[in-house]
N, C-alpha and C. Protein backbone atom coordinates (compact mmCIF):
# COMPACT_ATOMS: atom_id res chain seq x y z
N MET A 1 88.32 123.36 43.60
CA MET A 1 88.43 124.55 43.25
C MET A 1 87.58 125.15 42.41
N ILE A 2 87.08 124.59 41.43
CA ILE A 2 85.93 125.29 40.47
C ILE A 2 84.66 125.32 41.51
N GLU A 3 84.28 126.67 41.84
CA GLU A 3 83.03 127.07 42.00
C GLU A 3 82.01 126.70 41.39
N LYS A 4 82.00 127.04 40.25
CA LYS A 4 80.90 126.72 39.28
C LYS A 4 81.40 127.07 37.78
N ILE A 5 80.24 126.92 36.95
CA ILE A 5 80.24 126.82 35.50
C ILE A 5 79.36 127.66 34.77
N SER A 6 79.54 128.05 34.07
CA SER A 6 78.10 128.89 33.60
C SER A 6 78.25 129.13 32.38
N GLY A 7 77.35 128.61 31.28
CA GLY A 7 77.34 129.46 30.01
C GLY A 7 76.14 129.52 29.79
N THR A 8 76.64 130.13 27.98
CA THR A 8 75.26 130.67 27.56
C THR A 8 74.59 129.68 26.60
N ASP A 9 74.26 130.48 25.43
CA ASP A 9 73.39 129.07 24.74
C ASP A 9 74.62 128.78 23.82
N LYS A 10 73.89 127.03 23.59
CA LYS A 10 75.30 126.36 22.99
C LYS A 10 75.44 126.55 21.29
N SER A 11 74.42 127.39 20.84
CA SER A 11 74.65 127.26 19.56
C SER A 11 75.24 128.42 19.12
N ILE A 12 76.21 128.93 18.06
CA ILE A 12 76.39 130.34 17.35
C ILE A 12 76.22 129.77 15.91
N VAL A 13 75.24 130.98 15.35
CA VAL A 13 75.64 130.93 14.04
C VAL A 13 76.38 132.40 13.42
N LEU A 14 76.84 132.33 12.09
CA LEU A 14 77.25 133.80 11.45
C LEU A 14 78.38 134.28 12.70
N CYS A 15 78.47 135.62 13.13
CA CYS A 15 79.33 136.38 14.14
C CYS A 15 78.91 136.20 15.67
N ASP A 16 77.71 135.44 15.92
CA ASP A 16 77.36 135.50 17.21
C ASP A 16 78.74 134.93 18.13
N LYS A 17 78.56 134.68 19.28
CA LYS A 17 79.14 134.15 20.15
C LYS A 17 78.72 133.08 21.48
N ILE A 18 79.23 132.39 21.49
CA ILE A 18 78.85 131.35 22.78
C ILE A 18 80.14 131.89 23.99
N SER A 19 79.72 131.57 25.38
CA SER A 19 80.44 132.09 26.24
C SER A 19 80.53 131.11 27.40
N LEU A 20 81.51 130.90 27.81
CA LEU A 20 81.27 130.31 29.42
C LEU A 20 82.61 130.91 30.26
N SER A 21 81.96 130.81 31.54
CA SER A 21 82.34 131.39 32.63
C SER A 21 83.01 130.27 33.71
N LEU A 22 84.25 130.40 34.32
CA LEU A 22 84.52 129.37 35.64
C LEU A 22 84.74 130.13 36.46
N ILE A 23 84.07 130.07 37.62
CA ILE A 23 84.23 130.67 38.43
C ILE A 23 85.00 129.95 40.10
N PHE A 24 85.91 130.75 40.37
CA PHE A 24 86.91 129.92 41.09
C PHE A 24 86.61 130.56 42.36
N ASN A 25 86.68 129.83 43.48
CA ASN A 25 86.68 130.25 44.78
C ASN A 25 88.02 130.50 45.59
N ASP A 26 89.05 129.61 44.93
CA ASP A 26 90.42 129.65 46.12
C ASP A 26 91.34 129.84 45.35
N MET A 27 92.59 130.65 45.55
CA MET A 27 93.46 130.67 44.74
C MET A 27 94.72 130.20 45.11
N SER A 28 94.53 129.44 46.41
CA SER A 28 95.82 128.81 46.96
C SER A 28 96.39 127.95 46.03
N ASP A 29 95.32 126.89 45.22
CA ASP A 29 96.29 125.87 44.18
C ASP A 29 96.98 126.63 43.06
N LEU A 30 96.67 128.14 42.79
CA LEU A 30 97.44 128.73 41.72
C LEU A 30 98.32 129.08 42.42
N THR A 31 98.57 129.37 43.56
CA THR A 31 99.99 130.66 43.88
C THR A 31 100.82 129.64 44.36
N LYS A 32 100.31 128.65 45.00
CA LYS A 32 101.70 127.52 45.75
C LYS A 32 102.61 126.63 44.66
N TYR A 33 102.24 126.58 43.37
CA TYR A 33 103.16 125.80 42.68
C TYR A 33 103.74 127.26 41.53
N GLY A 34 105.09 126.41 40.91
CA GLY A 34 105.64 127.20 40.21
C GLY A 34 104.85 127.79 38.92
N SER A 35 105.46 128.57 38.42
CA SER A 35 104.95 129.20 37.40
C SER A 35 104.10 128.34 36.18
N ASP A 36 105.26 127.05 36.06
CA ASP A 36 104.81 126.22 34.87
C ASP A 36 104.20 125.07 35.25
N LYS A 37 103.45 124.95 36.41
CA LYS A 37 102.51 124.08 36.86
C LYS A 37 101.42 123.46 36.81
N GLN A 38 100.70 124.81 36.53
CA GLN A 38 99.17 124.64 36.33
C GLN A 38 98.90 124.91 35.01
N ARG A 39 97.99 124.11 34.49
CA ARG A 39 97.30 123.97 33.55
C ARG A 39 95.76 123.36 33.09
N PHE A 40 94.91 124.34 32.28
CA PHE A 40 93.63 124.13 32.23
C PHE A 40 93.51 123.46 30.70
N TRP A 41 92.77 121.95 30.97
CA TRP A 41 92.49 121.48 29.29
C TRP A 41 91.28 121.72 29.25
N LEU A 42 90.76 122.03 27.84
CA LEU A 42 89.41 122.39 27.60
C LEU A 42 89.33 121.26 26.32
N LYS A 43 88.32 120.71 26.16
CA LYS A 43 88.27 120.22 24.78
C LYS A 43 86.46 120.78 24.45
N PHE A 44 86.65 120.89 22.99
CA PHE A 44 85.47 121.94 22.48
C PHE A 44 84.92 120.40 21.30
N TYR A 45 83.54 120.23 21.50
CA TYR A 45 83.50 119.21 20.43
C TYR A 45 82.27 120.12 19.24
N SER A 46 82.78 120.05 18.20
CA SER A 46 82.18 120.89 17.01
C SER A 46 81.30 120.03 16.29
N ILE A 47 79.96 120.45 15.85
CA ILE A 47 79.60 119.48 14.87
C ILE A 47 79.37 120.35 13.48
N GLU A 48 79.29 120.46 12.42
CA GLU A 48 78.72 121.07 10.95
C GLU A 48 79.66 122.38 11.09
N ALA A 49 81.31 122.13 11.37
CA ALA A 49 82.08 122.97 10.95
C ALA A 49 82.84 122.72 9.78
N SER A 50 82.11 123.40 8.82
CA SER A 50 82.71 122.93 7.62
C SER A 50 83.53 124.42 7.02
N GLU A 51 83.40 125.31 8.06
CA GLU A 51 84.09 126.29 7.60
C GLU A 51 85.29 126.71 8.19
N GLU A 52 86.62 127.37 8.13
CA GLU A 52 87.30 127.65 8.69
C GLU A 52 87.53 128.93 9.65
N GLY A 53 87.85 129.11 10.83
CA GLY A 53 87.82 130.30 11.41
C GLY A 53 87.41 130.53 12.71
N ILE A 54 87.29 129.11 13.23
CA ILE A 54 86.24 129.20 15.06
C ILE A 54 87.83 130.05 15.71
N VAL A 55 87.31 130.92 16.79
CA VAL A 55 88.41 131.34 17.62
C VAL A 55 87.82 131.27 18.70
N LEU A 56 89.19 131.38 19.92
CA LEU A 56 89.25 130.80 21.10
C LEU A 56 89.68 132.07 21.85
N ASP A 57 88.92 132.75 22.68
CA ASP A 57 89.58 133.43 23.45
C ASP A 57 89.32 133.60 24.53
N VAL A 58 90.31 133.49 25.81
CA VAL A 58 90.52 133.07 27.00
C VAL A 58 91.00 134.62 27.73
N PHE A 59 90.42 134.80 28.57
CA PHE A 59 90.99 135.80 29.64
C PHE A 59 90.57 135.74 30.94
N LEU A 60 91.52 136.35 31.75
CA LEU A 60 91.22 136.55 33.37
C LEU A 60 90.71 137.57 33.78
N SER A 61 89.76 137.33 34.91
CA SER A 61 89.31 138.43 35.11
C SER A 61 89.25 138.80 36.76
N LEU A 62 89.73 139.16 37.59
CA LEU A 62 89.93 139.59 38.69
C LEU A 62 89.23 140.05 40.02
N ASP A 63 88.45 139.72 40.69
CA ASP A 63 87.09 140.27 41.22
C ASP A 63 87.44 141.89 41.93
N ASP A 64 88.66 142.22 42.60
CA ASP A 64 89.18 143.20 42.75
C ASP A 64 90.41 143.93 42.00
N CYS A 65 90.64 143.88 40.85
CA CYS A 65 91.17 144.80 40.01
C CYS A 65 90.53 145.45 39.16
N VAL A 66 91.38 146.72 39.19
CA VAL A 66 90.91 147.93 38.13
C VAL A 66 90.91 147.57 36.64
N LYS A 67 90.20 147.51 35.85
CA LYS A 67 90.47 146.71 34.64
C LYS A 67 91.42 147.85 33.48
N GLN A 68 91.32 149.17 34.17
CA GLN A 68 92.16 149.94 33.08
C GLN A 68 93.47 149.89 33.33
N ASP A 69 93.86 148.88 34.51
CA ASP A 69 94.78 148.70 35.05
C ASP A 69 95.91 147.84 34.31
N PHE A 70 95.03 147.02 33.52
CA PHE A 70 95.88 145.85 32.68
C PHE A 70 95.70 146.38 31.42
N MET A 71 96.18 146.47 30.43
CA MET A 71 96.48 146.35 28.90
C MET A 71 95.47 144.85 28.64
N VAL A 72 94.50 144.68 27.64
CA VAL A 72 93.93 143.62 27.20
C VAL A 72 95.26 142.50 26.74
N GLU A 73 95.72 143.33 26.12
CA GLU A 73 96.60 142.37 25.19
C GLU A 73 97.50 141.49 25.91
N ASP A 74 97.71 142.36 27.35
CA ASP A 74 98.76 140.96 28.43
C ASP A 74 97.56 140.28 28.55
N TYR A 75 96.80 140.07 28.90
CA TYR A 75 96.30 138.77 29.24
C TYR A 75 95.24 138.22 28.54
N VAL A 76 94.98 138.45 27.34
CA VAL A 76 94.45 137.72 26.41
C VAL A 76 95.16 136.77 25.56
N ASP A 77 94.69 135.41 25.68
CA ASP A 77 95.26 133.96 24.67
C ASP A 77 94.24 134.30 23.72
N SER A 78 94.55 134.71 22.46
CA SER A 78 93.74 134.73 21.47
C SER A 78 94.07 133.44 20.28
N ILE A 79 93.51 132.22 20.39
CA ILE A 79 93.98 130.96 19.48
C ILE A 79 93.24 130.81 18.48
N ALA A 80 93.57 130.95 17.09
CA ALA A 80 92.90 130.77 16.24
C ALA A 80 93.14 129.35 15.51
N LEU A 81 92.11 128.63 15.66
CA LEU A 81 91.81 127.13 14.72
C LEU A 81 91.03 127.35 13.67
N PHE A 82 92.38 127.33 12.51
CA PHE A 82 91.58 127.22 11.55
C PHE A 82 91.42 125.71 11.21
N GLY A 83 90.43 125.85 9.64
CA GLY A 83 90.29 124.23 9.26
C GLY A 83 89.98 123.52 9.77
N VAL A 84 89.03 124.18 10.76
CA VAL A 84 88.30 123.21 11.94
C VAL A 84 87.64 122.08 11.53
N LYS A 85 86.77 121.67 10.39
CA LYS A 85 86.59 120.42 9.71
C LYS A 85 87.80 119.71 9.68
N LYS A 86 89.15 119.44 9.38
CA LYS A 86 89.84 118.68 9.35
C LYS A 86 90.30 118.23 10.69
N ILE A 87 90.91 119.42 11.67
CA ILE A 87 91.08 118.96 12.81
C ILE A 87 89.77 118.37 13.66
N VAL A 88 88.85 118.40 13.40
CA VAL A 88 87.47 117.82 14.26
C VAL A 88 87.81 116.14 13.94
N LYS A 89 87.91 116.29 12.32
CA LYS A 89 88.06 114.95 11.57
C LYS A 89 89.26 114.33 12.33
N GLU A 90 90.62 114.88 12.65
CA GLU A 90 91.78 113.87 13.33
C GLU A 90 91.64 114.06 14.43
N HIS A 91 90.78 114.54 15.51
CA HIS A 91 90.62 114.39 16.82
C HIS A 91 89.34 113.32 17.00
N GLY A 92 88.67 113.43 15.96
CA GLY A 92 87.77 112.32 15.88
C GLY A 92 86.06 113.24 16.57
N VAL A 93 86.37 113.55 17.98
CA VAL A 93 85.35 114.15 18.38
C VAL A 93 85.28 115.65 18.75
N GLY A 94 86.72 116.30 18.63
CA GLY A 94 86.81 117.21 19.61
C GLY A 94 87.71 118.07 19.14
N ILE A 95 88.11 119.08 19.63
CA ILE A 95 89.71 119.81 19.54
C ILE A 95 89.73 119.94 20.61
N ASP A 96 91.27 119.94 21.53
CA ASP A 96 91.73 119.74 22.52
C ASP A 96 92.58 121.47 22.71
N HIS A 97 92.78 121.87 23.80
CA HIS A 97 93.38 123.09 24.23
C HIS A 97 94.19 123.06 25.44
N SER A 98 94.96 123.32 25.35
CA SER A 98 95.43 123.49 27.00
C SER A 98 95.96 124.89 26.85
N ILE A 99 95.41 125.75 28.33
CA ILE A 99 95.65 126.88 28.52
C ILE A 99 96.67 126.74 29.84
N ASP A 100 97.87 127.58 29.55
CA ASP A 100 98.75 127.75 30.69
C ASP A 100 98.26 129.10 31.77
N VAL A 101 97.98 128.73 32.79
CA VAL A 101 97.17 129.70 33.85
C VAL A 101 98.68 130.54 34.25
N SER A 102 99.64 130.02 34.33
CA SER A 102 100.90 131.19 34.42
C SER A 102 100.73 132.28 33.61
N LYS A 103 100.62 132.04 32.21
CA LYS A 103 100.62 133.10 31.82
C LYS A 103 99.99 134.26 32.15
N PHE A 104 98.37 133.82 32.68
CA PHE A 104 98.13 135.26 32.93
C PHE A 104 98.26 135.71 34.40
N ILE A 105 98.39 135.09 35.34
CA ILE A 105 98.94 135.02 36.42
C ILE A 105 100.47 135.41 36.94
N TYR A 106 100.87 134.82 36.61
CA TYR A 106 102.80 134.61 37.10
C TYR A 106 103.30 136.03 36.04
N ASN A 107 102.91 136.16 34.71
CA ASN A 107 103.57 137.09 34.05
C ASN A 107 103.22 138.36 34.02
N ASN A 108 101.86 138.47 34.63
CA ASN A 108 101.51 140.22 34.51
C ASN A 108 100.76 140.46 35.55
N ILE A 109 100.48 139.92 36.69
CA ILE A 109 99.69 140.00 38.04
C ILE A 109 101.27 139.84 39.06
N ASN A 110 100.90 140.79 40.20
CA ASN A 110 101.81 141.07 41.34
C ASN A 110 101.46 139.55 42.03
N LEU A 111 102.28 138.67 42.67
CA LEU A 111 101.37 137.78 43.13
C LEU A 111 100.92 138.41 44.78
N LYS A 112 101.65 139.10 45.02
CA LYS A 112 101.43 139.80 46.41
C LYS A 112 100.16 140.39 46.24
N ASN A 113 99.60 141.07 45.15
CA ASN A 113 98.38 141.35 45.50
C ASN A 113 97.26 140.56 44.95
N ILE A 114 97.55 139.16 44.27
CA ILE A 114 96.81 138.42 43.88
C ILE A 114 96.15 137.12 44.92
N LYS A 115 97.23 137.32 46.20
CA LYS A 115 96.89 136.15 46.97
C LYS A 115 95.54 136.23 47.87
N HIS A 116 95.04 137.50 48.11
CA HIS A 116 94.10 137.43 48.99
C HIS A 116 92.62 137.64 48.65
N LEU A 117 92.91 137.24 46.93
CA LEU A 117 91.43 137.62 46.36
C LEU A 117 90.74 136.07 46.55
N ASN A 118 89.62 136.29 46.64
CA ASN A 118 88.89 134.98 47.24
C ASN A 118 88.11 134.57 45.77
N ASN A 119 87.53 135.13 44.89
CA ASN A 119 86.95 134.64 43.75
C ASN A 119 87.58 135.85 42.29
N PHE A 120 87.85 134.88 41.27
CA PHE A 120 88.07 135.08 39.93
C PHE A 120 87.55 134.01 38.96
N PHE A 121 87.78 134.61 37.83
CA PHE A 121 86.73 133.71 36.96
C PHE A 121 87.58 133.75 35.55
N PHE A 122 87.71 132.75 34.67
CA PHE A 122 87.79 132.11 33.46
C PHE A 122 86.95 133.04 32.47
N ASN A 123 86.82 133.66 31.46
CA ASN A 123 85.74 133.99 30.33
C ASN A 123 86.33 133.30 29.21
N ILE A 124 85.67 132.34 28.84
CA ILE A 124 85.93 131.72 27.13
C ILE A 124 84.80 132.10 26.09
N SER A 125 84.98 132.58 25.06
CA SER A 125 84.29 132.80 24.13
C SER A 125 84.68 132.13 22.86
N ILE A 126 84.02 131.89 22.00
CA ILE A 126 84.12 130.71 20.83
C ILE A 126 83.31 131.89 19.87
N SER A 127 83.85 132.12 19.00
CA SER A 127 82.99 132.74 18.05
C SER A 127 83.95 132.66 16.51
N ASN A 128 83.05 133.18 15.39
CA ASN A 128 83.54 132.81 14.14
C ASN A 128 84.37 134.16 13.57
N ARG A 129 85.53 133.42 12.68
CA ARG A 129 86.40 134.57 12.47
C ARG A 129 85.72 135.01 10.96
N LYS A 130 85.34 133.84 10.26
CA LYS A 130 84.43 133.99 8.84
C LYS A 130 83.26 134.02 9.05
N ILE A 131 82.44 134.88 8.00
CA ILE A 131 80.85 134.88 8.30
C ILE A 131 80.46 133.50 7.62
N LEU A 132 79.68 132.61 8.21
CA LEU A 132 79.52 131.29 8.16
C LEU A 132 78.00 131.29 7.02
N ASN A 133 77.96 130.59 6.30
CA ASN A 133 76.46 130.00 5.61
C ASN A 133 75.64 129.88 6.91
N THR A 134 74.28 130.20 7.10
CA THR A 134 73.23 129.68 7.90
C THR A 134 73.07 128.77 8.16
N ASN A 135 73.37 127.60 7.20
CA ASN A 135 73.23 126.44 7.40
C ASN A 135 74.56 125.70 7.86
N ASN A 136 75.60 126.85 8.21
CA ASN A 136 76.79 126.00 8.71
C ASN A 136 76.72 126.27 10.50
N LYS A 137 75.88 125.89 10.89
CA LYS A 137 76.17 126.27 12.23
C LYS A 137 77.41 125.11 13.16
N ILE A 138 77.61 125.84 13.89
CA ILE A 138 78.60 125.34 14.54
C ILE A 138 78.04 125.12 16.35
N THR A 139 78.08 124.11 16.77
CA THR A 139 77.39 123.57 17.58
C THR A 139 78.35 123.01 18.70
N VAL A 140 78.13 123.75 20.23
CA VAL A 140 79.54 122.94 21.04
C VAL A 140 78.67 122.49 21.90
N GLU A 141 78.75 120.86 21.35
CA GLU A 141 77.79 120.04 22.11
C GLU A 141 78.17 119.47 23.73
N LYS A 142 79.18 119.67 24.09
CA LYS A 142 80.13 119.90 25.57
C LYS A 142 81.43 120.14 25.42
N ILE A 143 81.66 120.89 26.77
CA ILE A 143 82.98 121.59 26.97
C ILE A 143 83.06 121.23 28.22
N SER A 144 84.21 120.33 28.06
CA SER A 144 84.71 119.62 29.65
C SER A 144 85.55 120.65 30.26
N ILE A 145 86.33 120.85 30.87
CA ILE A 145 87.35 121.28 31.29
C ILE A 145 87.91 120.55 32.49
N LEU A 146 89.25 120.10 32.52
CA LEU A 146 90.12 119.61 33.74
C LEU A 146 91.08 120.19 33.96
N LYS A 147 91.26 120.31 35.33
CA LYS A 147 92.55 120.90 36.27
C LYS A 147 93.65 119.65 35.95
N GLU A 148 94.58 120.15 35.63
CA GLU A 148 96.04 119.29 35.55
C GLU A 148 96.92 119.79 36.63
N ILE A 149 97.13 119.36 37.59
CA ILE A 149 98.67 120.25 38.03
C ILE A 149 100.00 119.39 37.62
N ILE A 150 100.70 119.86 36.83
CA ILE A 150 102.04 119.05 36.66
C ILE A 150 102.96 119.10 37.47
N ILE A 151 103.40 118.36 38.37
CA ILE A 151 104.70 117.96 39.19
C ILE A 151 105.71 118.29 38.66
């Protein structure tokens, strides 16, 4: 179902962002299950994250939807991850986060309008909420995305 994964530069310093797009070519897996059945799991590996304030923003984009038809607040899932150093230490290698796709699709978009879509994508951006010192570079070494269908 995942057609391709594309990303930008893997280092962010100060207020810069890194972003990643997941492009899908088939809606069928997302529409045939109930609203609580589909999740994407993301794992972010960060190093040198000694300041708090990494923010993960996720939003769904549809190839034939008119942007102004949707309020951004309706489909942005903004998760603030404070105390990143502590989280990274506790998890050993990274931060796990699960995104419930049903929040975007079933609650905000009419399924009758979405079933015919051929392509859609998630944009994921990671940014610093606080200004970090120049040597406190946050590096995303690896981003792994797994699709899990919970029956």
